[in-house]
Amino acid sequence: MWKEQDNKLVREYRFQNFVDAFSFLSQVAELAEIHGHHPTIINTYSYVRLELNTHDAGGVITEKDRSLSVDIDKINIIES
């Protein structure tokens, strides 16, 4: 579930291993390119944290962030 935190949409994931986490991030990268909007990504082994906000709008949450988050939620993932 996405949370609004410090002017960002934030979501954390835990996967079985690094390969699963990286596979998920590859799909996120493709969506980000389609949206022309790129998240902050933190990845350590099986942990992934995504942060979305719009720098051009002063670092706040906009419809661009909400739209990308909805599409990210459509990725079929298996978390640990």
Protein backbone atom coordinates (compact mmCIF):
# COMPACT_ATOMS: atom_id res chain seq x y z
CA MET A 1 0.00 0.00 0.00
CA TRP A 2 1.29 3.44 -0.92
CA LYS A 3 1.69 5.95 1.92
CA GLU A 4 1.93 9.71 1.72
CA GLN A 5 5.07 10.65 3.61
CA ASP A 6 7.17 13.84 3.46
CA ASN A 7 5.53 15.02 0.20
CA LYS A 8 6.13 11.64 -1.46
CA LEU A 9 4.16 8.53 -2.28
CA VAL A 10 6.16 5.73 -0.67
CA ARG A 11 5.88 1.97 -0.92
CA GLU A 12 8.17 -0.75 0.37
CA TYR A 13 8.48 -4.31 -0.88
CA ARG A 14 10.27 -7.45 0.31
CA PHE A 15 11.04 -10.21 -2.16
CA GLN A 16 12.39 -13.74 -1.86
CA ASN A 17 15.77 -12.73 -3.25
CA PHE A 18 17.72 -10.14 -5.21
CA VAL A 19 16.76 -11.56 -8.62
CA ASP A 20 13.03 -11.22 -7.85
CA ALA A 21 13.56 -7.67 -6.57
CA PHE A 22 15.56 -6.72 -9.65
CA SER A 23 13.00 -8.29 -11.98
CA PHE A 24 10.32 -6.14 -10.35
CA LEU A 25 12.51 -3.05 -10.73
CA SER A 26 13.01 -3.79 -14.42
CA GLN A 27 9.25 -3.67 -14.87
CA VAL A 28 9.06 -0.44 -12.84
CA ALA A 29 11.74 1.05 -15.11
CA GLU A 30 9.70 0.25 -18.22
CA LEU A 31 6.59 1.87 -16.73
CA ALA A 32 8.58 4.91 -15.63
CA GLU A 33 9.82 5.40 -19.18
CA ILE A 34 6.27 5.12 -20.55
CA HIS A 35 5.07 7.71 -18.02
CA GLY A 36 8.11 9.96 -18.52
CA HIS A 37 8.31 10.10 -14.75
CA HIS A 38 10.95 8.34 -12.69
CA PRO A 39 10.84 7.23 -9.05
CA THR A 40 13.54 7.31 -6.46
CA ILE A 41 14.52 3.67 -6.04
CA ILE A 42 16.25 2.17 -3.02
CA ASN A 43 17.24 -1.48 -3.39
CA THR A 44 19.20 -3.61 -0.95
CA TYR A 45 19.18 -7.31 -1.75
CA SER A 46 15.49 -8.31 -1.47
CA TYR A 47 14.24 -4.94 -0.17
CA VAL A 48 12.86 -2.25 -2.50
CA ARG A 49 11.56 1.18 -1.58
CA LEU A 50 9.95 3.42 -4.19
CA GLU A 51 9.39 7.13 -3.67
CA LEU A 52 7.31 9.24 -6.06
CA ASN A 53 7.03 13.00 -6.20
CA THR A 54 7.22 15.57 -8.96
CA HIS A 55 10.37 17.68 -8.85
CA ASP A 56 9.07 20.08 -11.53
CA ALA A 57 6.11 20.89 -9.26
CA GLY A 58 8.31 21.70 -6.27
CA GLY A 59 8.76 18.19 -4.93
CA VAL A 60 5.12 17.47 -4.13
CA ILE A 61 2.76 14.66 -5.05
CA THR A 62 0.91 15.25 -8.32
CA GLU A 63 -1.31 13.29 -10.68
CA LYS A 64 1.84 12.06 -12.47
CA ASP A 65 2.86 10.28 -9.26
CA ARG A 66 -0.58 8.84 -8.62
CA SER A 67 -0.85 7.59 -12.21
CA LEU A 68 2.54 5.86 -12.08
CA SER A 69 1.73 4.31 -8.69
CA VAL A 70 -1.49 2.83 -10.07
CA ASP A 71 0.39 1.22 -12.96
CA ILE A 72 3.14 -0.07 -10.65
CA ASP A 73 0.42 -1.72 -8.55
CA LYS A 74 -0.62 -3.68 -11.65
CA ILE A 75 2.73 -5.50 -11.79
CA ASN A 76 2.23 -9.12 -10.80
CA ILE A 77 4.68 -9.64 -7.95
CA ILE A 78 5.38 -12.31 -5.39
CA GLU A 79 6.68 -10.79 -2.18
CA SER A 80 8.18 -12.77 0.67
